[in-house]
PDB file of N, CA and C in Angstrom:
ATOM      1  N   ILE A   1     -31.301  39.401  51.464  1.00  0.00           N
ATOM      2  CA  ILE A   1     -31.362  40.687  51.041  1.00  0.00           C
ATOM      3  C   ILE A   1     -30.162  41.386  51.322  1.00  0.00           C
ATOM      4  N   LEU A   2     -29.670  41.133  52.571  1.00  0.00           N
ATOM      5  CA  LEU A   2     -28.512  41.839  53.093  1.00  0.00           C
ATOM      6  C   LEU A   2     -27.343  41.593  52.197  1.00  0.00           C
ATOM      7  N   ALA A   3     -27.219  40.465  51.524  1.00  0.00           N
ATOM      8  CA  ALA A   3     -26.084  39.892  50.784  1.00  0.00           C
ATOM      9  C   ALA A   3     -26.352  40.635  49.404  1.00  0.00           C
ATOM     10  N   VAL A   4     -27.443  40.922  48.945  1.00  0.00           N
ATOM     11  CA  VAL A   4     -27.796  41.570  47.730  1.00  0.00           C
ATOM     12  C   VAL A   4     -27.434  42.936  47.783  1.00  0.00           C
ATOM     13  N   GLN A   5     -27.731  43.701  48.920  1.00  0.00           N
ATOM     14  CA  GLN A   5     -27.519  44.974  49.022  1.00  0.00           C
ATOM     15  C   GLN A   5     -25.881  45.239  49.374  1.00  0.00           C
ATOM     16  N   VAL A   6     -25.367  44.422  49.709  1.00  0.00           N
ATOM     17  CA  VAL A   6     -23.742  44.444  49.860  1.00  0.00           C
ATOM     18  C   VAL A   6     -23.340  44.485  48.388  1.00  0.00           C
ATOM     19  N   LEU A   7     -23.778  43.530  47.581  1.00  0.00           N
ATOM     20  CA  LEU A   7     -23.334  43.608  46.085  1.00  0.00           C
ATOM     21  C   LEU A   7     -23.831  44.789  45.349  1.00  0.00           C
ATOM     22  N   VAL A   8     -24.906  45.503  45.685  1.00  0.00           N
ATOM     23  CA  VAL A   8     -25.372  46.594  45.099  1.00  0.00           C
ATOM     24  C   VAL A   8     -24.366  47.716  45.433  1.00  0.00           C
ATOM     25  N   CYS A   9     -23.956  47.791  46.559  1.00  0.00           N
ATOM     26  CA  CYS A   9     -22.801  48.718  46.867  1.00  0.00           C
ATOM     27  C   CYS A   9     -21.605  48.562  46.017  1.00  0.00           C
ATOM     28  N   VAL A  10     -21.221  47.305  46.007  1.00  0.00           N
ATOM     29  CA  VAL A  10     -19.946  47.135  45.197  1.00  0.00           C
ATOM     30  C   VAL A  10     -20.309  47.454  43.616  1.00  0.00           C
ATOM     31  N   ALA A  11     -21.539  47.387  43.301  1.00  0.00           N
ATOM     32  CA  ALA A  11     -21.865  47.549  41.913  1.00  0.00           C
ATOM     33  C   ALA A  11     -21.807  49.331  41.792  1.00  0.00           C
ATOM     34  N   ILE A  12     -22.253  49.840  42.818  1.00  0.00           N
ATOM     35  CA  ILE A  12     -22.352  51.484  42.729  1.00  0.00           C
ATOM     36  C   ILE A  12     -20.848  52.083  42.501  1.00  0.00           C
ATOM     37  N   ILE A  13     -19.977  51.380  43.448  1.00  0.00           N
ATOM     38  CA  ILE A  13     -18.451  51.861  43.282  1.00  0.00           C
ATOM     39  C   ILE A  13     -18.111  51.514  42.145  1.00  0.00           C
ATOM     40  N   SER A  14     -18.276  50.147  41.556  1.00  0.00           N
ATOM     41  CA  SER A  14     -17.655  49.942  40.242  1.00  0.00           C
ATOM     42  C   SER A  14     -18.149  50.771  39.165  1.00  0.00           C
ATOM     43  N   TYR A  15     -19.628  51.010  39.092  1.00  0.00           N
ATOM     44  CA  TYR A  15     -20.158  51.798  37.934  1.00  0.00           C
ATOM     45  C   TYR A  15     -19.296  53.358  38.014  1.00  0.00           C
ATOM     46  N   PHE A  16     -19.210  53.860  39.089  1.00  0.00           N
ATOM     47  CA  PHE A  16     -18.764  55.203  38.959  1.00  0.00           C
ATOM     48  C   PHE A  16     -17.411  55.227  38.663  1.00  0.00           C
ATOM     49  N   ARG A  17     -16.443  54.402  39.237  1.00  0.00           N
ATOM     50  CA  ARG A  17     -15.034  54.375  38.811  1.00  0.00           C
ATOM     51  C   ARG A  17     -14.755  54.248  37.225  1.00  0.00           C
ATOM     52  N   LYS A  18     -15.792  53.205  36.581  1.00  0.00           N
ATOM     53  CA  LYS A  18     -15.822  53.025  35.136  1.00  0.00           C
ATOM     54  C   LYS A  18     -16.430  54.135  34.158  1.00  0.00           C
ATOM     55  N   ARG A  19     -16.906  55.221  34.747  1.00  0.00           N
ATOM     56  CA  ARG A  19     -17.805  56.223  34.041  1.00  0.00           C
ATOM     57  C   ARG A  19     -17.181  57.534  34.524  1.00  0.00           C
ATOM     58  N   SER A  20     -17.253  58.629  33.578  1.00  0.00           N
ATOM     59  CA  SER A  20     -17.255  59.936  34.218  1.00  0.00           C
ATOM     60  C   SER A  20     -18.261  60.411  34.825  1.00  0.00           C
ATOM     61  N   HIS A  21     -18.349  61.362  35.637  1.00  0.00           N
ATOM     62  CA  HIS A  21     -19.319  61.788  36.413  1.00  0.00           C
ATOM     63  C   HIS A  21     -19.100  63.147  37.015  1.00  0.00           C
ATOM     64  N   SER A  22     -20.083  63.803  37.564  1.00  0.00           N
ATOM     65  CA  SER A  22     -20.131  65.055  38.156  1.00  0.00           C
ATOM     66  C   SER A  22     -20.442  64.978  39.638  1.00  0.00           C
ATOM     67  N   HIS A  23     -20.540  63.605  40.097  1.00  0.00           N
ATOM     68  CA  HIS A  23     -21.011  63.529  41.476  1.00  0.00           C
ATOM     69  C   HIS A  23     -19.782  63.680  42.464  1.00  0.00           C
ATOM     70  N   SER A  24     -19.936  63.685  43.556  1.00  0.00           N
ATOM     71  CA  SER A  24     -18.857  64.067  44.579  1.00  0.00           C
ATOM     72  C   SER A  24     -18.318  62.520  44.914  1.00  0.00           C
ATOM     73  N   MET A  25     -17.074  62.780  45.718  1.00  0.00           N
ATOM     74  CA  MET A  25     -16.489  61.380  46.094  1.00  0.00           C
ATOM     75  C   MET A  25     -17.446  60.871  46.963  1.00  0.00           C
ATOM     76  N   TRP A  26     -18.046  61.765  47.885  1.00  0.00           N
ATOM     77  CA  TRP A  26     -19.061  61.064  48.974  1.00  0.00           C
ATOM     78  C   TRP A  26     -20.048  60.089  48.174  1.00  0.00           C
ATOM     79  N   THR A  27     -20.616  60.964  47.390  1.00  0.00           N
ATOM     80  CA  THR A  27     -21.689  60.025  46.688  1.00  0.00           C
ATOM     81  C   THR A  27     -21.111  58.639  45.959  1.00  0.00           C
ATOM     82  N   THR A  28     -19.994  58.701  45.394  1.00  0.00           N
ATOM     83  CA  THR A  28     -19.458  57.808  44.643  1.00  0.00           C
ATOM     84  C   THR A  28     -18.706  56.641  45.126  1.00  0.00           C
ATOM     85  N   THR A  29     -18.197  57.043  46.395  1.00  0.00           N
ATOM     86  CA  THR A  29     -17.098  55.999  47.224  1.00  0.00           C
ATOM     87  C   THR A  29     -17.378  55.997  48.489  1.00  0.00           C
ATOM     88  N   VAL A  30     -17.603  57.251  49.175  1.00  0.00           N
ATOM     89  CA  VAL A  30     -17.382  57.016  50.753  1.00  0.00           C
ATOM     90  C   VAL A  30     -18.610  56.493  51.388  1.00  0.00           C
ATOM     91  N   ALA A  31     -19.887  56.983  50.649  1.00  0.00           N
ATOM     92  CA  ALA A  31     -21.217  56.468  51.395  1.00  0.00           C
ATOM     93  C   ALA A  31     -21.363  55.093  50.991  1.00  0.00           C
ATOM     94  N   PRO A  32     -21.170  54.542  49.709  1.00  0.00           N
ATOM     95  CA  PRO A  32     -21.203  53.185  49.386  1.00  0.00           C
ATOM     96  C   PRO A  32     -20.407  52.316  50.225  1.00  0.00           C
ATOM     97  N   VAL A  33     -19.233  52.771  50.520  1.00  0.00           N
ATOM     98  CA  VAL A  33     -18.189  51.849  51.300  1.00  0.00           C
ATOM     99  C   VAL A  33     -18.707  51.888  52.621  1.00  0.00           C
ATOM    100  N   THR A  34     -19.082  52.931  53.135  1.00  0.00           N
ATOM    101  CA  THR A  34     -19.813  52.986  54.637  1.00  0.00           C
ATOM    102  C   THR A  34     -20.996  52.095  54.822  1.00  0.00           C
ATOM    103  N   SER A  35     -21.765  52.169  53.634  1.00  0.00           N
ATOM    104  CA  SER A  35     -22.964  51.380  53.641  1.00  0.00           C
ATOM    105  C   SER A  35     -22.416  49.908  53.452  1.00  0.00           C
ATOM    106  N   MET A  36     -21.595  49.472  52.747  1.00  0.00           N
ATOM    107  CA  MET A  36     -21.135  48.169  52.578  1.00  0.00           C
ATOM    108  C   MET A  36     -20.733  47.747  53.774  1.00  0.00           C
ATOM    109  N   LEU A  37     -19.855  48.354  54.684  1.00  0.00           N
ATOM    110  CA  LEU A  37     -19.313  47.817  55.837  1.00  0.00           C
ATOM    111  C   LEU A  37     -20.559  47.651  56.892  1.00  0.00           C
ATOM    112  N   GLY A  38     -21.529  48.351  56.914  1.00  0.00           N
ATOM    113  CA  GLY A  38     -22.302  48.446  57.964  1.00  0.00           C
ATOM    114  C   GLY A  38     -23.427  47.098  57.420  1.00  0.00           C
ATOM    115  N   LEU A  39     -23.797  46.931  56.345  1.00  0.00           N
ATOM    116  CA  LEU A  39     -24.514  45.802  55.779  1.00  0.00           C
ATOM    117  C   LEU A  39     -23.602  44.522  55.861  1.00  0.00           C
ATOM    118  N   LEU A  40     -22.212  44.522  55.542  1.00  0.00           N
ATOM    119  CA  LEU A  40     -21.437  43.342  56.058  1.00  0.00           C
ATOM    120  C   LEU A  40     -21.542  42.958  57.567  1.00  0.00           C
ATOM    121  N   CYS A  41     -21.523  43.702  58.312  1.00  0.00           N
ATOM    122  CA  CYS A  41     -21.626  43.595  59.829  1.00  0.00           C
ATOM    123  C   CYS A  41     -22.893  43.043  60.144  1.00  0.00           C
ATOM    124  N   ALA A  42     -23.931  43.664  59.437  1.00  0.00           N
ATOM    125  CA  ALA A  42     -25.381  42.890  59.781  1.00  0.00           C
ATOM    126  C   ALA A  42     -25.398  41.720  59.198  1.00  0.00           C
ATOM    127  N   PHE A  43     -24.778  41.654  58.136  1.00  0.00           N
ATOM    128  CA  PHE A  43     -24.928  40.042  57.483  1.00  0.00           C
ATOM    129  C   PHE A  43     -24.261  38.794  58.425  1.00  0.00           C
ATOM    130  N   VAL A  44     -23.190  39.509  58.809  1.00  0.00           N
ATOM    131  CA  VAL A  44     -22.348  38.642  59.799  1.00  0.00           C
ATOM    132  C   VAL A  44     -23.247  38.236  61.117  1.00  0.00           C
ATOM    133  N   LEU A  45     -23.901  39.165  61.651  1.00  0.00           N
ATOM    134  CA  LEU A  45     -24.669  39.014  62.774  1.00  0.00           C
ATOM    135  C   LEU A  45     -25.990  38.106  62.622  1.00  0.00           C
ATOM    136  N   VAL A  46     -26.410  38.422  61.295  1.00  0.00           N
ATOM    137  CA  VAL A  46     -27.593  37.418  60.723  1.00  0.00           C
ATOM    138  C   VAL A  46     -27.261  36.153  60.737  1.00  0.00           C
ATOM    139  N   VAL A  47     -26.205  35.928  60.168  1.00  0.00           N
ATOM    140  CA  VAL A  47     -25.718  34.453  59.793  1.00  0.00           C
ATOM    141  C   VAL A  47     -25.121  33.874  61.171  1.00  0.00           C
ATOM    142  N   ASN A  48     -24.457  34.584  62.035  1.00  0.00           N
ATOM    143  CA  ASN A  48     -24.021  33.928  63.395  1.00  0.00           C
ATOM    144  C   ASN A  48     -25.484  33.494  64.318  1.00  0.00           C
ATOM    145  N   ASN A  49     -26.349  34.453  64.051  1.00  0.00           N
ATOM    146  CA  ASN A  49     -27.518  34.204  65.015  1.00  0.00           C
ATOM    147  C   ASN A  49     -28.668  33.800  64.175  1.00  0.00           C
ATOM    148  N   LEU A  50     -28.451  33.101  63.186  1.00  0.00           N
ATOM    149  CA  LEU A  50     -29.727  32.676  62.194  1.00  0.00           C
ATOM    150  C   LEU A  50     -30.706  31.508  62.991  1.00  0.00           C
ATOM    151  N   SER A  51     -30.174  30.791  63.831  1.00  0.00           N
ATOM    152  CA  SER A  51     -31.188  30.003  64.600  1.00  0.00           C
ATOM    153  C   SER A  51     -32.266  30.727  65.729  1.00  0.00           C
ATOM    154  N   LEU A  52     -31.367  31.657  66.154  1.00  0.00           N
ATOM    155  CA  LEU A  52     -32.041  32.637  67.112  1.00  0.00           C
ATOM    156  C   LEU A  52     -33.284  33.375  66.254  1.00  0.00           C
ATOM    157  N   LEU A  53     -32.970  33.860  65.241  1.00  0.00           N
ATOM    158  CA  LEU A  53     -33.624  34.718  64.279  1.00  0.00           C
ATOM    159  C   LEU A  53     -34.849  33.632  63.661  1.00  0.00           C
ATOM    160  N   ALA A  54     -34.731  32.399  63.468  1.00  0.00           N
ATOM    161  CA  ALA A  54     -35.506  31.653  62.967  1.00  0.00           C
ATOM    162  C   ALA A  54     -36.409  31.051  64.105  1.00  0.00           C
ATOM    163  N   GLY A  55     -35.903  30.830  65.194  1.00  0.00           N
ATOM    164  CA  GLY A  55     -36.528  30.121  66.450  1.00  0.00           C
ATOM    165  C   GLY A  55     -36.301  28.735  66.322  1.00  0.00           C
ATOM    166  N   THR A  56     -35.375  28.133  65.395  1.00  0.00           N
ATOM    167  CA  THR A  56     -35.068  26.735  65.546  1.00  0.00           C
ATOM    168  C   THR A  56     -33.782  26.431  64.880  1.00  0.00           C
ATOM    169  N   GLU A  57     -33.281  25.349  65.409  1.00  0.00           N
ATOM    170  CA  GLU A  57     -31.949  24.911  64.975  1.00  0.00           C
ATOM    171  C   GLU A  57     -31.975  24.002  63.917  1.00  0.00           C
ATOM    172  N   ASN A  58     -32.732  24.245  62.919  1.00  0.00           N
ATOM    173  CA  ASN A  58     -32.939  23.130  61.641  1.00  0.00           C
ATOM    174  C   ASN A  58     -31.735  23.340  60.846  1.00  0.00           C
ATOM    175  N   LEU A  59     -31.546  22.045  60.210  1.00  0.00           N
ATOM    176  CA  LEU A  59     -30.493  22.050  59.300  1.00  0.00           C
ATOM    177  C   LEU A  59     -30.743  22.714  57.894  1.00  0.00           C
ATOM    178  N   ILE A  60     -32.181  23.030  57.731  1.00  0.00           N
ATOM    179  CA  ILE A  60     -32.321  23.823  56.523  1.00  0.00           C
ATOM    180  C   ILE A  60     -32.046  25.270  56.568  1.00  0.00           C
ATOM    181  N   ILE A  61     -32.573  25.562  57.814  1.00  0.00           N
ATOM    182  CA  ILE A  61     -32.364  27.162  58.119  1.00  0.00           C
ATOM    183  C   ILE A  61     -30.744  27.312  58.143  1.00  0.00           C
ATOM    184  N   ASP A  62     -30.000  26.355  58.970  1.00  0.00           N
ATOM    185  CA  ASP A  62     -28.590  26.774  58.984  1.00  0.00           C
ATOM    186  C   ASP A  62     -27.970  26.769  57.642  1.00  0.00           C
ATOM    187  N   SER A  63     -28.623  25.942  56.498  1.00  0.00           N
ATOM    188  CA  SER A  63     -27.969  26.018  55.348  1.00  0.00           C
ATOM    189  C   SER A  63     -28.095  27.216  54.228  1.00  0.00           C
ATOM    190  N   PHE A  64     -29.156  27.978  54.970  1.00  0.00           N
ATOM    191  CA  PHE A  64     -29.450  29.337  54.094  1.00  0.00           C
ATOM    192  C   PHE A  64     -28.267  30.125  53.752  1.00  0.00           C
ATOM    193  N   PRO A  65     -27.193  30.583  54.412  1.00  0.00           N
ATOM    194  CA  PRO A  65     -25.964  31.206  54.024  1.00  0.00           C
ATOM    195  C   PRO A  65     -25.235  30.312  52.944  1.00  0.00           C
ATOM    196  N   VAL A  66     -25.067  29.141  53.174  1.00  0.00           N
ATOM    197  CA  VAL A  66     -24.434  28.405  51.973  1.00  0.00           C
ATOM    198  C   VAL A  66     -25.071  28.415  50.713  1.00  0.00           C
ATOM    199  N   ILE A  67     -26.605  28.316  50.929  1.00  0.00           N
ATOM    200  CA  ILE A  67     -27.386  28.530  49.675  1.00  0.00           C
ATOM    201  C   ILE A  67     -27.397  29.860  48.909  1.00  0.00           C
ATOM    202  N   VAL A  68     -27.309  30.724  49.661  1.00  0.00           N
ATOM    203  CA  VAL A  68     -27.172  32.146  49.154  1.00  0.00           C
ATOM    204  C   VAL A  68     -26.039  32.353  48.315  1.00  0.00           C
ATOM    205  N   ILE A  69     -25.007  32.000  48.946  1.00  0.00           N
ATOM    206  CA  ILE A  69     -23.510  32.074  48.538  1.00  0.00           C
ATOM    207  C   ILE A  69     -23.430  30.916  47.298  1.00  0.00           C
ATOM    208  N   ALA A  70     -24.038  29.833  47.361  1.00  0.00           N
ATOM    209  CA  ALA A  70     -24.052  28.943  46.033  1.00  0.00           C
ATOM    210  C   ALA A  70     -24.894  29.447  44.714  1.00  0.00           C
ATOM    211  N   VAL A  71     -25.640  30.170  45.125  1.00  0.00           N
ATOM    212  CA  VAL A  71     -26.728  30.785  44.021  1.00  0.00           C
ATOM    213  C   VAL A  71     -26.048  32.068  43.386  1.00  0.00           C
ATOM    214  N   GLY A  72     -25.413  32.779  44.321  1.00  0.00           N
ATOM    215  CA  GLY A  72     -24.595  33.988  43.898  1.00  0.00           C
ATOM    216  C   GLY A  72     -23.415  33.457  42.818  1.00  0.00           C
ATOM    217  N   LEU A  73     -22.765  32.286  43.362  1.00  0.00           N
ATOM    218  CA  LEU A  73     -21.737  31.900  42.791  1.00  0.00           C
ATOM    219  C   LEU A  73     -21.842  31.386  41.331  1.00  0.00           C
ATOM    220  N   LEU A  74     -23.078  30.577  41.353  1.00  0.00           N
ATOM    221  CA  LEU A  74     -23.679  29.950  40.089  1.00  0.00           C
ATOM    222  C   LEU A  74     -24.000  31.264  38.930  1.00  0.00           C
ATOM    223  N   GLY A  75     -24.644  32.203  39.683  1.00  0.00           N
ATOM    224  CA  GLY A  75     -25.045  33.180  38.851  1.00  0.00           C
ATOM    225  C   GLY A  75     -23.953  34.049  38.177  1.00  0.00           C
ATOM    226  N   ALA A  76     -22.651  33.975  38.805  1.00  0.00           N
ATOM    227  CA  ALA A  76     -21.591  34.718  38.365  1.00  0.00           C
ATOM    228  C   ALA A  76     -20.865  33.769  37.369  1.00  0.00           C
ATOM    229  N   ALA A  77     -21.146  32.554  37.460  1.00  0.00           N
ATOM    230  CA  ALA A  77     -20.461  31.713  36.596  1.00  0.00           C
ATOM    231  C   ALA A  77     -21.362  31.646  35.328  1.00  0.00           C
ATOM    232  N   PHE A  78     -22.686  31.805  35.427  1.00  0.00           N
ATOM    233  CA  PHE A  78     -23.442  31.754  34.318  1.00  0.00           C
ATOM    234  C   PHE A  78     -23.219  33.115  33.632  1.00  0.00           C
ATOM    235  N   ALA A  79     -23.000  34.269  34.087  1.00  0.00           N
ATOM    236  CA  ALA A  79     -22.744  35.493  33.663  1.00  0.00           C
ATOM    237  C   ALA A  79     -21.371  35.458  32.873  1.00  0.00           C
ATOM    238  N   THR A  80     -20.460  34.752  33.470  1.00  0.00           N
ATOM    239  CA  THR A  80     -19.159  34.621  32.717  1.00  0.00           C
ATOM    240  C   THR A  80     -19.411  33.624  31.488  1.00  0.00           C
ATOM    241  N   HIS A  81     -20.083  32.639  31.602  1.00  0.00           N
ATOM    242  CA  HIS A  81     -20.348  31.835  30.353  1.00  0.00           C
ATOM    243  C   HIS A  81     -20.999  32.540  29.345  1.00  0.00           C
ATOM    244  N   ILE A  82     -22.082  33.304  29.469  1.00  0.00           N
ATOM    245  CA  ILE A  82     -22.942  34.192  28.691  1.00  0.00           C
ATOM    246  C   ILE A  82     -21.676  35.172  27.920  1.00  0.00           C
ATOM    247  N   ARG A  83     -20.935  35.672  28.862  1.00  0.00           N
ATOM    248  CA  ARG A  83     -19.921  36.770  28.269  1.00  0.00           C
ATOM    249  C   ARG A  83     -19.002  36.262  27.148  1.00  0.00           C
ATOM    250  N   ARG A  84     -18.663  34.894  27.586  1.00  0.00           N
ATOM    251  CA  ARG A  84     -17.519  34.148  26.747  1.00  0.00           C
ATOM    252  C   ARG A  84     -18.375  33.568  25.352  1.00  0.00           C
ATOM    253  N   ARG A  85     -19.597  33.088  25.590  1.00  0.00           N
ATOM    254  CA  ARG A  85     -20.275  32.423  24.495  1.00  0.00           C
ATOM    255  C   ARG A  85     -20.927  33.290  23.748  1.00  0.00           C
ATOM    256  N   ARG A  86     -21.723  34.124  24.289  1.00  0.00           N
ATOM    257  CA  ARG A  86     -22.715  35.242  23.468  1.00  0.00           C
ATOM    258  C   ARG A  86     -22.559  36.526  23.935  1.00  0.00           C
ATOM    259  N   PRO A  87     -21.163  37.142  23.626  1.00  0.00           N
ATOM    260  CA  PRO A  87     -21.081  38.473  24.152  1.00  0.00           C
ATOM    261  C   PRO A  87     -22.107  39.635  23.520  1.00  0.00           C
ATOM    262  N   GLU A  88     -22.623  39.341  22.545  1.00  0.00           N
ATOM    263  CA  GLU A  88     -23.834  40.154  22.199  1.00  0.00           C
ATOM    264  C   GLU A  88     -24.976  40.192  23.078  1.00  0.00           C
ATOM    265  N   LEU A  89     -25.201  38.978  23.531  1.00  0.00           N
ATOM    266  CA  LEU A  89     -26.427  38.840  24.366  1.00  0.00           C
ATOM    267  C   LEU A  89     -26.014  39.616  25.738  1.00  0.00           C
ATOM    268  N   TYR A  90     -24.862  39.373  26.236  1.00  0.00           N
ATOM    269  CA  TYR A  90     -24.303  39.853  27.347  1.00  0.00           C
ATOM    270  C   TYR A  90     -24.025  41.356  27.426  1.00  0.00           C
ATOM    271  N   ALA A  91     -23.704  41.846  26.367  1.00  0.00           N
ATOM    272  CA  ALA A  91     -23.745  43.154  26.096  1.00  0.00           C
ATOM    273  C   ALA A  91     -24.994  44.140  26.455  1.00  0.00           C
ATOM    274  N   ASN A  92     -26.157  43.204  25.633  1.00  0.00           N
ATOM    275  CA  ASN A  92     -27.434  43.681  25.730  1.00  0.00           C
ATOM    276  C   ASN A  92     -28.246  43.854  27.386  1.00  0.00           C
ATOM    277  N   LEU A  93     -27.600  42.910  28.138  1.00  0.00           N
ATOM    278  CA  LEU A  93     -28.194  42.604  29.550  1.00  0.00           C
ATOM    279  C   LEU A  93     -28.598  44.109  30.249  1.00  0.00           C
ATOM    280  N   GLY A  94     -27.450  44.891  30.197  1.00  0.00           N
ATOM    281  CA  GLY A  94     -27.593  46.261  30.890  1.00  0.00           C
ATOM    282  C   GLY A  94     -28.188  47.164  30.118  1.00  0.00           C
ATOM    283  N   ARG A  95     -28.703  47.000  28.922  1.00  0.00           N
ATOM    284  CA  ARG A  95     -29.491  48.130  28.287  1.00  0.00           C
ATOM    285  C   ARG A  95     -30.931  47.910  28.463  1.00  0.00           C
ATOM    286  N   VAL A  96     -31.360  46.656  29.039  1.00  0.00           N
ATOM    287  CA  VAL A  96     -32.707  46.712  29.321  1.00  0.00           C
ATOM    288  C   VAL A  96     -33.349  47.677  30.034  1.00  0.00           C
ATOM    289  N   PHE A  97     -32.763  48.366  30.928  1.00  0.00           N
ATOM    290  CA  PHE A  97     -33.194  49.429  31.810  1.00  0.00           C
ATOM    291  C   PHE A  97     -32.936  50.859  31.333  1.00  0.00           C
ATOM    292  N   GLU A  98     -32.268  50.957  30.129  1.00  0.00           N
ATOM    293  CA  GLU A  98     -31.969  52.256  29.624  1.00  0.00           C
ATOM    294  C   GLU A  98     -33.074  53.042  28.908  1.00  0.00           C
TER     295      GLU A  98
END
């Protein structure tokens, strides 16, 4: 969840840089960057203390950060594949929520 929240902060910053808006710099840059830094610190603390949080030193528990990163990279690779092979489908992905 923390990793996804960090990515949401990045998405917010990216969204407002690409579009014109009437929001303040606090809303579009400063607050998301501050949030991202705090969430990154929390993510590092969770990863470093995962066995303490889980209550066990299990290989499966210890591999969770690697699994999260791998799923993220696979998702990014899949999105890149769709953008290259089927640009019309990729263009419609964001319109679902409009």
